[in-house]
Amino acid sequence: MLRIGLTGGIGSGKTTVARLFREHGIPTVDTDRIARRLVRPGQPTLEALIAEFGPGILTPAGTLDRARLRAQVFTDPEKKARLEAILHPAIFAEMERRLAHLRAPYCLIAIPLLVETGAHHRVDRVLVVDCPESLQIARLRHRDGLDEELIRRIIASQATREERLAIADEIITNDRDLTNLARQVAELHRFYRRLSAERNDP
């Protein structure tokens, strides 16, 4: 099965792109969703985070306060590295477990931090969703209600736009409407099906 690594900066539209591929019947493994599942109450990964960062990262209900943890790690590179050392191995192990159960010509693996985690070797091709930084900021302010200073810190903590584009095998430009985005996805779907057929042709 051909593995397509889907990545892009925060607010670039990766979730929408993944949904459009699913509408073509293509399975998606989303590492962000895996991460959220791994930090539910009672999960070993959450217990490891509490041991590392203290109970202050929890809400009164005992769930992970993602905003508070995010505020901590995005202002402290050492804490960010400690967070990643706990999360990333657990996320990739669960990702591989899910992939082992899929049967399809190709699949999409959404890895927002593909560049930062050096996960190139885990995929066959890299698909980057790209848009101008000004659009990222506008979308995040609308979607999450974040202030611009925090958004810029998050963007600065990720790989640069140029670094992502440098490793891309394919690029989707998400700076227009949904119709344009769907057209690009449909073209890539045909391309990936063809690649998969050629790869599996004896």
N, C-alpha and C. Protein backbone atom coordinates (compact mmCIF):
# COMPACT_ATOMS: atom_id res chain seq x y z
N MET A 1 0.84 -1.19 0.00
CA MET A 1 0.00 0.00 0.00
C MET A 1 0.87 1.25 0.00
N LEU A 2 0.59 2.12 -0.94
CA LEU A 2 1.33 3.37 -1.05
C LEU A 2 0.98 4.27 0.13
N ARG A 3 2.01 4.80 0.80
CA ARG A 3 1.80 5.68 1.95
C ARG A 3 2.07 7.13 1.53
N ILE A 4 1.04 7.96 1.66
CA ILE A 4 1.18 9.37 1.34
C ILE A 4 1.19 10.17 2.64
N GLY A 5 2.29 10.83 2.92
CA GLY A 5 2.39 11.65 4.11
C GLY A 5 1.82 13.04 3.85
N LEU A 6 0.76 13.39 4.55
CA LEU A 6 0.11 14.70 4.39
C LEU A 6 0.60 15.63 5.48
N THR A 7 1.13 16.78 5.08
CA THR A 7 1.62 17.72 6.07
C THR A 7 1.37 19.14 5.60
N GLY A 8 1.66 20.08 6.47
CA GLY A 8 1.45 21.50 6.18
C GLY A 8 1.45 22.26 7.48
N GLY A 9 1.61 23.56 7.40
CA GLY A 9 1.62 24.38 8.60
C GLY A 9 0.26 24.41 9.26
N ILE A 10 0.23 24.83 10.52
CA ILE A 10 -1.03 24.96 11.24
C ILE A 10 -1.95 25.93 10.49
N GLY A 11 -3.21 25.54 10.35
CA GLY A 11 -4.16 26.41 9.67
C GLY A 11 -4.08 26.37 8.15
N SER A 12 -3.30 25.43 7.61
CA SER A 12 -3.16 25.39 6.15
C SER A 12 -4.33 24.69 5.46
N GLY A 13 -5.07 23.85 6.20
CA GLY A 13 -6.21 23.17 5.62
C GLY A 13 -6.03 21.67 5.49
N LYS A 14 -5.13 21.09 6.27
CA LYS A 14 -4.86 19.64 6.17
C LYS A 14 -6.11 18.81 6.48
N THR A 15 -6.88 19.24 7.47
CA THR A 15 -8.07 18.47 7.87
C THR A 15 -9.08 18.42 6.73
N THR A 16 -9.27 19.54 6.06
CA THR A 16 -10.21 19.58 4.94
C THR A 16 -9.71 18.71 3.79
N VAL A 17 -8.42 18.77 3.51
CA VAL A 17 -7.85 17.94 2.44
C VAL A 17 -8.04 16.46 2.76
N ALA A 18 -7.77 16.08 4.00
CA ALA A 18 -7.96 14.67 4.40
C ALA A 18 -9.41 14.25 4.23
N ARG A 19 -10.34 15.12 4.59
CA ARG A 19 -11.76 14.80 4.42
C ARG A 19 -12.12 14.60 2.95
N LEU A 20 -11.57 15.41 2.09
CA LEU A 20 -11.84 15.28 0.66
C LEU A 20 -11.29 13.97 0.10
N PHE A 21 -10.13 13.55 0.59
CA PHE A 21 -9.61 12.25 0.16
C PHE A 21 -10.49 11.12 0.68
N ARG A 22 -10.99 11.24 1.91
CA ARG A 22 -11.88 10.21 2.44
C ARG A 22 -13.16 10.09 1.61
N GLU A 23 -13.61 11.20 1.04
CA GLU A 23 -14.80 11.17 0.18
C GLU A 23 -14.55 10.36 -1.09
N HIS A 24 -13.28 10.17 -1.43
CA HIS A 24 -12.91 9.30 -2.56
C HIS A 24 -12.68 7.86 -2.09
N GLY A 25 -12.96 7.59 -0.81
CA GLY A 25 -12.82 6.24 -0.28
C GLY A 25 -11.43 5.89 0.22
N ILE A 26 -10.60 6.90 0.41
CA ILE A 26 -9.21 6.66 0.82
C ILE A 26 -9.09 6.76 2.34
N PRO A 27 -8.57 5.72 2.99
CA PRO A 27 -8.43 5.76 4.45
C PRO A 27 -7.35 6.75 4.88
N THR A 28 -7.58 7.35 6.03
CA THR A 28 -6.64 8.33 6.57
C THR A 28 -6.29 7.96 8.00
N VAL A 29 -5.01 7.97 8.30
CA VAL A 29 -4.54 7.84 9.68
C VAL A 29 -4.07 9.22 10.10
N ASP A 30 -4.72 9.77 11.11
CA ASP A 30 -4.46 11.15 11.55
C ASP A 30 -3.69 11.12 12.87
N THR A 31 -2.44 11.57 12.84
CA THR A 31 -1.62 11.50 14.05
C THR A 31 -2.10 12.48 15.11
N ASP A 32 -2.77 13.56 14.72
CA ASP A 32 -3.34 14.47 15.72
C ASP A 32 -4.45 13.78 16.51
N ARG A 33 -5.29 13.02 15.81
CA ARG A 33 -6.36 12.29 16.49
C ARG A 33 -5.78 11.21 17.39
N ILE A 34 -4.73 10.56 16.91
CA ILE A 34 -4.06 9.56 17.75
C ILE A 34 -3.54 10.22 19.02
N ALA A 35 -2.92 11.38 18.87
CA ALA A 35 -2.36 12.09 20.03
C ALA A 35 -3.45 12.42 21.04
N ARG A 36 -4.61 12.87 20.54
CA ARG A 36 -5.71 13.20 21.46
C ARG A 36 -6.20 11.97 22.21
N ARG A 37 -6.26 10.84 21.51
CA ARG A 37 -6.69 9.60 22.16
C ARG A 37 -5.67 9.17 23.23
N LEU A 38 -4.40 9.34 22.93
CA LEU A 38 -3.35 8.89 23.84
C LEU A 38 -3.30 9.69 25.15
N VAL A 39 -3.88 10.90 25.14
CA VAL A 39 -3.82 11.73 26.36
C VAL A 39 -5.17 11.80 27.07
N ARG A 40 -6.04 10.84 26.80
CA ARG A 40 -7.28 10.76 27.56
C ARG A 40 -6.99 10.30 28.99
N PRO A 41 -7.86 10.64 29.93
CA PRO A 41 -7.64 10.21 31.32
C PRO A 41 -7.45 8.70 31.42
N GLY A 42 -6.43 8.31 32.20
CA GLY A 42 -6.14 6.90 32.41
C GLY A 42 -5.15 6.32 31.43
N GLN A 43 -4.86 7.05 30.35
CA GLN A 43 -3.91 6.54 29.37
C GLN A 43 -2.46 6.71 29.88
N PRO A 44 -1.60 5.74 29.61
CA PRO A 44 -0.21 5.83 30.09
C PRO A 44 0.51 7.09 29.60
N THR A 45 0.20 7.54 28.40
CA THR A 45 0.87 8.73 27.87
C THR A 45 0.51 9.96 28.69
N LEU A 46 -0.76 10.08 29.09
CA LEU A 46 -1.14 11.21 29.93
C LEU A 46 -0.45 11.12 31.29
N GLU A 47 -0.37 9.93 31.84
CA GLU A 47 0.32 9.77 33.13
C GLU A 47 1.78 10.20 33.02
N ALA A 48 2.42 9.89 31.88
CA ALA A 48 3.81 10.29 31.67
C ALA A 48 3.94 11.81 31.58
N LEU A 49 2.95 12.46 30.94
CA LEU A 49 2.98 13.92 30.84
C LEU A 49 2.80 14.57 32.21
N ILE A 50 1.91 14.00 33.03
CA ILE A 50 1.70 14.53 34.37
C ILE A 50 2.97 14.40 35.21
N ALA A 51 3.64 13.25 35.07
CA ALA A 51 4.88 13.03 35.80
C ALA A 51 5.96 14.03 35.38
N GLU A 52 5.93 14.39 34.11
CA GLU A 52 6.97 15.28 33.58
C GLU A 52 6.66 16.76 33.86
N PHE A 53 5.40 17.16 33.68
CA PHE A 53 5.05 18.58 33.74
C PHE A 53 4.21 18.97 34.96
N GLY A 54 3.77 17.98 35.73
CA GLY A 54 3.01 18.28 36.94
C GLY A 54 1.51 18.29 36.70
N PRO A 55 0.73 18.18 37.78
CA PRO A 55 -0.73 18.12 37.66
C PRO A 55 -1.36 19.43 37.19
N GLY A 56 -0.56 20.49 37.12
CA GLY A 56 -1.09 21.77 36.65
C GLY A 56 -1.51 21.77 35.19
N ILE A 57 -1.16 20.71 34.45
CA ILE A 57 -1.56 20.64 33.04
C ILE A 57 -2.95 20.04 32.88
N LEU A 58 -3.60 19.70 34.01
CA LEU A 58 -4.93 19.11 33.95
C LEU A 58 -6.01 20.15 34.25
N THR A 59 -7.19 19.93 33.69
CA THR A 59 -8.36 20.73 34.04
C THR A 59 -8.91 20.21 35.37
N PRO A 60 -9.84 20.94 35.98
CA PRO A 60 -10.46 20.43 37.22
C PRO A 60 -11.13 19.07 37.03
N ALA A 61 -11.53 18.77 35.79
CA ALA A 61 -12.20 17.49 35.52
C ALA A 61 -11.20 16.35 35.30
N GLY A 62 -9.89 16.67 35.31
CA GLY A 62 -8.88 15.63 35.17
C GLY A 62 -8.46 15.34 33.74
N THR A 63 -8.92 16.16 32.80
CA THR A 63 -8.49 16.00 31.41
C THR A 63 -7.32 16.93 31.13
N LEU A 64 -6.63 16.65 30.04
CA LEU A 64 -5.47 17.48 29.69
C LEU A 64 -5.94 18.87 29.26
N ASP A 65 -5.36 19.89 29.89
CA ASP A 65 -5.62 21.27 29.50
C ASP A 65 -4.64 21.61 28.38
N ARG A 66 -5.07 21.37 27.15
CA ARG A 66 -4.17 21.51 26.01
C ARG A 66 -3.67 22.95 25.85
N ALA A 67 -4.53 23.91 26.12
CA ALA A 67 -4.13 25.31 25.97
C ALA A 67 -3.02 25.66 26.97
N ARG A 68 -3.15 25.18 28.20
CA ARG A 68 -2.14 25.47 29.23
C ARG A 68 -0.82 24.79 28.90
N LEU A 69 -0.89 23.53 28.45
CA LEU A 69 0.33 22.83 28.08
C LEU A 69 0.98 23.49 26.87
N ARG A 70 0.15 23.87 25.91
CA ARG A 70 0.67 24.54 24.71
C ARG A 70 1.39 25.83 25.08
N ALA A 71 0.79 26.61 25.98
CA ALA A 71 1.41 27.87 26.39
C ALA A 71 2.77 27.63 27.04
N GLN A 72 2.88 26.53 27.79
CA GLN A 72 4.16 26.20 28.43
C GLN A 72 5.23 25.85 27.40
N VAL A 73 4.91 24.93 26.51
CA VAL A 73 5.95 24.38 25.65
C VAL A 73 6.35 25.32 24.53
N PHE A 74 5.43 26.17 24.07
CA PHE A 74 5.79 27.06 22.97
C PHE A 74 6.60 28.25 23.41
N THR A 75 6.80 28.41 24.70
CA THR A 75 7.68 29.47 25.18
C THR A 75 8.96 28.91 25.77
N ASP A 76 9.14 27.59 25.73
CA ASP A 76 10.30 26.95 26.33
C ASP A 76 10.75 25.76 25.47
N PRO A 77 11.78 25.95 24.65
CA PRO A 77 12.24 24.88 23.74
C PRO A 77 12.59 23.59 24.46
N GLU A 78 13.13 23.68 25.68
CA GLU A 78 13.50 22.47 26.42
C GLU A 78 12.24 21.67 26.81
N LYS A 79 11.21 22.38 27.26
CA LYS A 79 9.96 21.69 27.60
C LYS A 79 9.32 21.09 26.36
N LYS A 80 9.41 21.80 25.24
CA LYS A 80 8.85 21.29 23.99
C LYS A 80 9.54 19.98 23.61
N ALA A 81 10.86 19.94 23.76
CA ALA A 81 11.60 18.72 23.44
C ALA A 81 11.21 17.57 24.36
N ARG A 82 10.98 17.88 25.65
CA ARG A 82 10.56 16.84 26.60
C ARG A 82 9.17 16.31 26.27
N LEU A 83 8.29 17.22 25.86
CA LEU A 83 6.95 16.81 25.45
C LEU A 83 7.01 15.87 24.25
N GLU A 84 7.82 16.24 23.26
CA GLU A 84 7.93 15.44 22.04
C GLU A 84 8.54 14.08 22.32
N ALA A 85 9.46 14.02 23.27
CA ALA A 85 10.10 12.74 23.61
C ALA A 85 9.10 11.76 24.20
N ILE A 86 8.05 12.28 24.82
CA ILE A 86 7.00 11.42 25.37
C ILE A 86 5.96 11.07 24.30
N LEU A 87 5.52 12.09 23.56
CA LEU A 87 4.41 11.90 22.63
C LEU A 87 4.78 11.16 21.35
N HIS A 88 5.87 11.57 20.71
CA HIS A 88 6.13 11.07 19.36
C HIS A 88 6.31 9.55 19.25
N PRO A 89 7.10 8.92 20.13
CA PRO A 89 7.21 7.45 20.01
C PRO A 89 5.86 6.74 20.17
N ALA A 90 5.03 7.23 21.09
CA ALA A 90 3.72 6.61 21.31
C ALA A 90 2.82 6.82 20.10
N ILE A 91 2.86 8.01 19.52
CA ILE A 91 2.03 8.30 18.34
C ILE A 91 2.42 7.43 17.16
N PHE A 92 3.72 7.32 16.89
CA PHE A 92 4.16 6.55 15.72
C PHE A 92 3.91 5.05 15.91
N ALA A 93 4.02 4.57 17.13
CA ALA A 93 3.73 3.15 17.37
C ALA A 93 2.26 2.85 17.08
N GLU A 94 1.36 3.72 17.53
CA GLU A 94 -0.07 3.53 17.27
C GLU A 94 -0.38 3.71 15.78
N MET A 95 0.30 4.64 15.14
CA MET A 95 0.13 4.85 13.70
C MET A 95 0.44 3.58 12.92
N GLU A 96 1.57 2.95 13.23
CA GLU A 96 1.96 1.73 12.53
C GLU A 96 0.97 0.60 12.81
N ARG A 97 0.45 0.55 14.02
CA ARG A 97 -0.53 -0.49 14.34
C ARG A 97 -1.78 -0.33 13.48
N ARG A 98 -2.23 0.90 13.31
CA ARG A 98 -3.42 1.14 12.49
C ARG A 98 -3.15 0.87 11.01
N LEU A 99 -2.00 1.24 10.54
CA LEU A 99 -1.67 1.02 9.13
C LEU A 99 -1.65 -0.46 8.79
N ALA A 100 -1.23 -1.27 9.74
CA ALA A 100 -1.14 -2.72 9.49
C ALA A 100 -2.49 -3.35 9.20
N HIS A 101 -3.57 -2.66 9.59
CA HIS A 101 -4.90 -3.22 9.40
C HIS A 101 -5.61 -2.66 8.16
N LEU A 102 -4.97 -1.75 7.43
CA LEU A 102 -5.62 -1.13 6.28
C LEU A 102 -5.40 -1.95 5.01
N ARG A 103 -6.41 -1.93 4.16
CA ARG A 103 -6.31 -2.56 2.84
C ARG A 103 -6.87 -1.57 1.83
N ALA A 104 -6.00 -0.94 1.05
CA ALA A 104 -6.42 0.05 0.07
C ALA A 104 -5.27 0.26 -0.92
N PRO A 105 -5.57 0.83 -2.11
CA PRO A 105 -4.48 1.10 -3.06
C PRO A 105 -3.43 2.04 -2.47
N TYR A 106 -3.93 3.03 -1.74
CA TYR A 106 -3.02 3.94 -1.04
C TYR A 106 -3.75 4.50 0.17
N CYS A 107 -2.99 5.06 1.08
CA CYS A 107 -3.60 5.69 2.25
C CYS A 107 -2.92 7.02 2.51
N LEU A 108 -3.62 7.85 3.26
CA LEU A 108 -3.10 9.15 3.64
C LEU A 108 -2.71 9.08 5.11
N ILE A 109 -1.53 9.57 5.44
CA ILE A 109 -1.10 9.66 6.83
C ILE A 109 -0.88 11.13 7.14
N ALA A 110 -1.77 11.70 7.94
CA ALA A 110 -1.67 13.11 8.30
C ALA A 110 -0.65 13.27 9.42
N ILE A 111 0.48 13.89 9.10
CA ILE A 111 1.55 14.11 10.08
C ILE A 111 1.91 15.60 10.04
N PRO A 112 1.26 16.42 10.85
CA PRO A 112 1.54 17.85 10.81
C PRO A 112 3.02 18.19 10.99
N LEU A 113 3.71 17.44 11.86
CA LEU A 113 5.13 17.72 12.13
C LEU A 113 6.03 16.73 11.38
N LEU A 114 5.69 16.42 10.16
CA LEU A 114 6.47 15.44 9.39
C LEU A 114 7.92 15.89 9.23
N VAL A 115 8.13 17.15 8.90
CA VAL A 115 9.49 17.66 8.73
C VAL A 115 10.22 17.65 10.07
N GLU A 116 9.55 18.18 11.10
CA GLU A 116 10.19 18.34 12.41
C GLU A 116 10.55 17.01 13.05
N THR A 117 9.76 15.97 12.80
CA THR A 117 10.02 14.67 13.42
C THR A 117 10.89 13.77 12.54
N GLY A 118 11.27 14.25 11.36
CA GLY A 118 12.09 13.44 10.46
C GLY A 118 11.38 12.17 10.04
N ALA A 119 10.07 12.26 9.80
CA ALA A 119 9.27 11.07 9.51
C ALA A 119 9.22 10.71 8.03
N HIS A 120 10.12 11.27 7.24
CA HIS A 120 10.12 11.00 5.79
C HIS A 120 10.18 9.50 5.51
N HIS A 121 10.98 8.78 6.30
CA HIS A 121 11.19 7.35 6.03
C HIS A 121 9.93 6.52 6.30
N ARG A 122 8.94 7.12 6.92
CA ARG A 122 7.71 6.38 7.23
C ARG A 122 6.69 6.45 6.08
N VAL A 123 6.95 7.27 5.07
CA VAL A 123 6.01 7.43 3.96
C VAL A 123 6.73 7.26 2.63
N ASP A 124 5.93 7.02 1.57
CA ASP A 124 6.50 6.88 0.23
C ASP A 124 6.55 8.21 -0.52
N ARG A 125 5.56 9.06 -0.25
CA ARG A 125 5.53 10.37 -0.88
C ARG A 125 5.03 11.40 0.12
N VAL A 126 5.44 12.65 -0.09
CA VAL A 126 5.04 13.74 0.81
C VAL A 126 4.14 14.70 0.05
N LEU A 127 2.94 14.91 0.60
CA LEU A 127 1.98 15.87 0.05
C LEU A 127 1.88 17.04 1.02
N VAL A 128 2.23 18.23 0.55
CA VAL A 128 2.21 19.42 1.39
C VAL A 128 1.02 20.29 1.02
N VAL A 129 0.24 20.67 2.04
CA VAL A 129 -0.82 21.66 1.86
C VAL A 129 -0.21 23.02 2.19
N ASP A 130 -0.25 23.92 1.23
CA ASP A 130 0.46 25.19 1.37
C ASP A 130 -0.49 26.37 1.24
N CYS A 131 -0.21 27.42 2.01
CA CYS A 131 -0.94 28.68 1.86
C CYS A 131 -0.09 29.79 2.47
N PRO A 132 -0.36 31.04 2.14
CA PRO A 132 0.40 32.15 2.74
C PRO A 132 0.19 32.23 4.24
N GLU A 133 1.20 32.73 4.95
CA GLU A 133 1.12 32.84 6.40
C GLU A 133 -0.04 33.72 6.84
N SER A 134 -0.34 34.75 6.07
CA SER A 134 -1.45 35.64 6.43
C SER A 134 -2.77 34.88 6.49
N LEU A 135 -2.94 33.90 5.61
CA LEU A 135 -4.15 33.08 5.63
C LEU A 135 -4.16 32.15 6.83
N GLN A 136 -3.00 31.58 7.18
CA GLN A 136 -2.91 30.74 8.38
C GLN A 136 -3.39 31.52 9.61
N ILE A 137 -2.89 32.74 9.75
CA ILE A 137 -3.23 33.56 10.91
C ILE A 137 -4.73 33.86 10.94
N ALA A 138 -5.27 34.25 9.80
CA ALA A 138 -6.70 34.58 9.74
C ALA A 138 -7.56 33.37 10.09
N ARG A 139 -7.20 32.20 9.57
CA ARG A 139 -7.99 30.99 9.84
C ARG A 139 -7.93 30.61 11.31
N LEU A 140 -6.75 30.70 11.92
CA LEU A 140 -6.61 30.31 13.31
C LEU A 140 -7.32 31.28 14.25
N ARG A 141 -7.30 32.56 13.91
CA ARG A 141 -8.03 33.52 14.74
C ARG A 141 -9.52 33.24 14.67
N HIS A 142 -9.99 32.87 13.49
CA HIS A 142 -11.42 32.57 13.32
C HIS A 142 -11.78 31.23 13.94
N ARG A 143 -10.93 30.21 13.73
CA ARG A 143 -11.24 28.85 14.16
C ARG A 143 -11.06 28.65 15.66
N ASP A 144 -9.93 29.10 16.18
CA ASP A 144 -9.58 28.80 17.57
C ASP A 144 -9.64 30.02 18.50
N GLY A 145 -9.81 31.19 17.94
CA GLY A 145 -9.87 32.39 18.78
C GLY A 145 -8.53 32.74 19.41
N LEU A 146 -7.44 32.29 18.80
CA LEU A 146 -6.11 32.57 19.36
C LEU A 146 -5.69 33.99 19.00
N ASP A 147 -4.87 34.59 19.89
CA ASP A 147 -4.36 35.92 19.55
C ASP A 147 -3.18 35.78 18.59
N GLU A 148 -2.93 36.85 17.86
CA GLU A 148 -1.95 36.78 16.78
C GLU A 148 -0.54 36.48 17.29
N GLU A 149 -0.20 36.99 18.47
CA GLU A 149 1.14 36.74 19.01
C GLU A 149 1.38 35.25 19.24
N LEU A 150 0.39 34.55 19.83
CA LEU A 150 0.54 33.12 20.07
C LEU A 150 0.58 32.36 18.74
N ILE A 151 -0.26 32.77 17.80
CA ILE A 151 -0.27 32.11 16.49
C ILE A 151 1.11 32.22 15.84
N ARG A 152 1.70 33.39 15.90
CA ARG A 152 3.02 33.58 15.28
C ARG A 152 4.08 32.74 15.99
N ARG A 153 3.96 32.58 17.32
CA ARG A 153 4.91 31.74 18.04
C ARG A 153 4.76 30.28 17.62
N ILE A 154 3.50 29.84 17.45
CA ILE A 154 3.27 28.46 17.01
C ILE A 154 3.86 28.24 15.62
N ILE A 155 3.59 29.17 14.70
CA ILE A 155 4.11 29.06 13.34
C ILE A 155 5.64 29.04 13.36
N ALA A 156 6.23 29.90 14.19
CA ALA A 156 7.69 29.98 14.27
C ALA A 156 8.29 28.70 14.85
N SER A 157 7.51 27.96 15.66
CA SER A 157 8.03 26.73 16.26
C SER A 157 8.00 25.55 15.29
N GLN A 158 7.28 25.72 14.18
CA GLN A 158 7.18 24.65 13.20
C GLN A 158 8.22 24.85 12.10
N ALA A 159 8.35 23.85 11.24
CA ALA A 159 9.21 23.99 10.07
C ALA A 159 8.74 25.18 9.25
N THR A 160 9.65 25.80 8.53
CA THR A 160 9.26 26.93 7.70
C THR A 160 8.52 26.45 6.46
N ARG A 161 7.82 27.36 5.86
CA ARG A 161 7.11 27.05 4.61
C ARG A 161 8.09 26.51 3.58
N GLU A 162 9.26 27.13 3.51
CA GLU A 162 10.27 26.72 2.53
C GLU A 162 10.79 25.31 2.81
N GLU A 163 10.96 24.97 4.09
CA GLU A 163 11.43 23.62 4.46
C GLU A 163 10.41 22.56 4.07
N ARG A 164 9.13 22.86 4.26
CA ARG A 164 8.11 21.89 3.86
C ARG A 164 8.07 21.72 2.35
N LEU A 165 8.09 22.84 1.62
CA LEU A 165 8.01 22.76 0.17
C LEU A 165 9.23 22.04 -0.41
N ALA A 166 10.37 22.13 0.27
CA ALA A 166 11.60 21.51 -0.23
C ALA A 166 11.51 19.98 -0.23
N ILE A 167 10.68 19.40 0.65
CA ILE A 167 10.59 17.94 0.71
C ILE A 167 9.34 17.41 0.02
N ALA A 168 8.54 18.31 -0.55
CA ALA A 168 7.25 17.90 -1.13
C ALA A 168 7.44 17.14 -2.44
N ASP A 169 6.71 16.04 -2.57
CA ASP A 169 6.59 15.40 -3.87
C ASP A 169 5.42 16.01 -4.63
N GLU A 170 4.35 16.33 -3.89
CA GLU A 170 3.20 17.01 -4.46
C GLU A 170 2.79 18.15 -3.53
N ILE A 171 2.18 19.19 -4.12
CA ILE A 171 1.77 20.37 -3.36
C ILE A 171 0.32 20.70 -3.70
N ILE A 172 -0.48 20.90 -2.66
CA ILE A 172 -1.83 21.45 -2.83
C ILE A 172 -1.80 22.88 -2.33
N THR A 173 -2.21 23.82 -3.18
CA THR A 173 -2.25 25.23 -2.78
C THR A 173 -3.66 25.56 -2.32
N ASN A 174 -3.79 25.87 -1.04
CA ASN A 174 -5.11 26.12 -0.45
C ASN A 174 -5.27 27.60 -0.15
N ASP A 175 -5.39 28.38 -1.21
CA ASP A 175 -5.57 29.82 -1.02
C ASP A 175 -6.82 30.34 -1.72
N ARG A 176 -7.68 29.40 -2.15
CA ARG A 176 -8.91 29.81 -2.83
C ARG A 176 -10.10 29.13 -2.16
N ASP A 177 -11.11 28.75 -2.95
CA ASP A 177 -12.32 28.20 -2.36
C ASP A 177 -12.28 26.67 -2.31
N LEU A 178 -13.33 26.09 -1.72
CA LEU A 178 -13.40 24.64 -1.54
C LEU A 178 -13.49 23.92 -2.88
N THR A 179 -14.12 24.51 -3.85
CA THR A 179 -14.23 23.89 -5.17
C THR A 179 -12.86 23.69 -5.79
N ASN A 180 -12.01 24.69 -5.67
CA ASN A 180 -10.66 24.59 -6.19
C ASN A 180 -9.86 23.53 -5.44
N LEU A 181 -10.05 23.48 -4.13
CA LEU A 181 -9.35 22.48 -3.32
C LEU A 181 -9.79 21.08 -3.70
N ALA A 182 -11.09 20.87 -3.88
CA ALA A 182 -11.62 19.56 -4.25
C ALA A 182 -11.11 19.11 -5.61
N ARG A 183 -10.95 20.06 -6.53
CA ARG A 183 -10.43 19.72 -7.86
C ARG A 183 -8.99 19.20 -7.76
N GLN A 184 -8.17 19.87 -6.94
CA GLN A 184 -6.79 19.43 -6.77
C GLN A 184 -6.72 18.04 -6.14
N VAL A 185 -7.59 17.80 -5.15
CA VAL A 185 -7.61 16.49 -4.50
C VAL A 185 -8.02 15.40 -5.49
N ALA A 186 -9.03 15.67 -6.32
CA ALA A 186 -9.49 14.69 -7.30
C ALA A 186 -8.38 14.34 -8.29
N GLU A 187 -7.62 15.34 -8.71
CA GLU A 187 -6.50 15.09 -9.64
C GLU A 187 -5.44 14.22 -8.98
N LEU A 188 -5.12 14.53 -7.73
CA LEU A 188 -4.11 13.75 -7.02
C LEU A 188 -4.61 12.34 -6.72
N HIS A 189 -5.89 12.19 -6.45
CA HIS A 189 -6.45 10.86 -6.22
C HIS A 189 -6.23 9.97 -7.44
N ARG A 190 -6.50 10.49 -8.62
CA ARG A 190 -6.26 9.71 -9.85
C ARG A 190 -4.78 9.39 -10.01
N PHE A 191 -3.94 10.37 -9.71
CA PHE A 191 -2.49 10.17 -9.82
C PHE A 191 -2.00 9.09 -8.86
N TYR A 192 -2.44 9.15 -7.62
CA TYR A 192 -1.99 8.17 -6.63
C TYR A 192 -2.51 6.77 -6.94
N ARG A 193 -3.72 6.67 -7.45
CA ARG A 193 -4.24 5.36 -7.85
C ARG A 193 -3.39 4.77 -8.98
N ARG A 194 -3.01 5.62 -9.90
CA ARG A 194 -2.17 5.16 -11.01
C ARG A 194 -0.79 4.72 -10.50
N LEU A 195 -0.21 5.51 -9.61
CA LEU A 195 1.08 5.13 -9.02
C LEU A 195 0.99 3.79 -8.29
N SER A 196 -0.08 3.62 -7.54
CA SER A 196 -0.26 2.39 -6.79
C SER A 196 -0.39 1.19 -7.73
N ALA A 197 -1.14 1.36 -8.82
CA ALA A 197 -1.32 0.27 -9.79
C ALA A 197 0.00 -0.09 -10.45
N GLU A 198 0.80 0.93 -10.79
CA GLU A 198 2.11 0.68 -11.41
C GLU A 198 3.05 -0.01 -10.43
N ARG A 199 2.98 0.39 -9.19
CA ARG A 199 3.84 -0.21 -8.17
C ARG A 199 3.52 -1.67 -7.94
N ASN A 200 2.24 -2.03 -8.04
CA ASN A 200 1.82 -3.40 -7.76
C ASN A 200 1.69 -4.27 -9.01
N ASP A 201 2.00 -3.67 -10.16
CA ASP A 201 1.90 -4.44 -11.41
C ASP A 201 3.08 -5.40 -11.49
N PRO A 202 2.83 -6.72 -11.57
CA PRO A 202 3.94 -7.68 -11.58
C PRO A 202 4.77 -7.58 -12.86
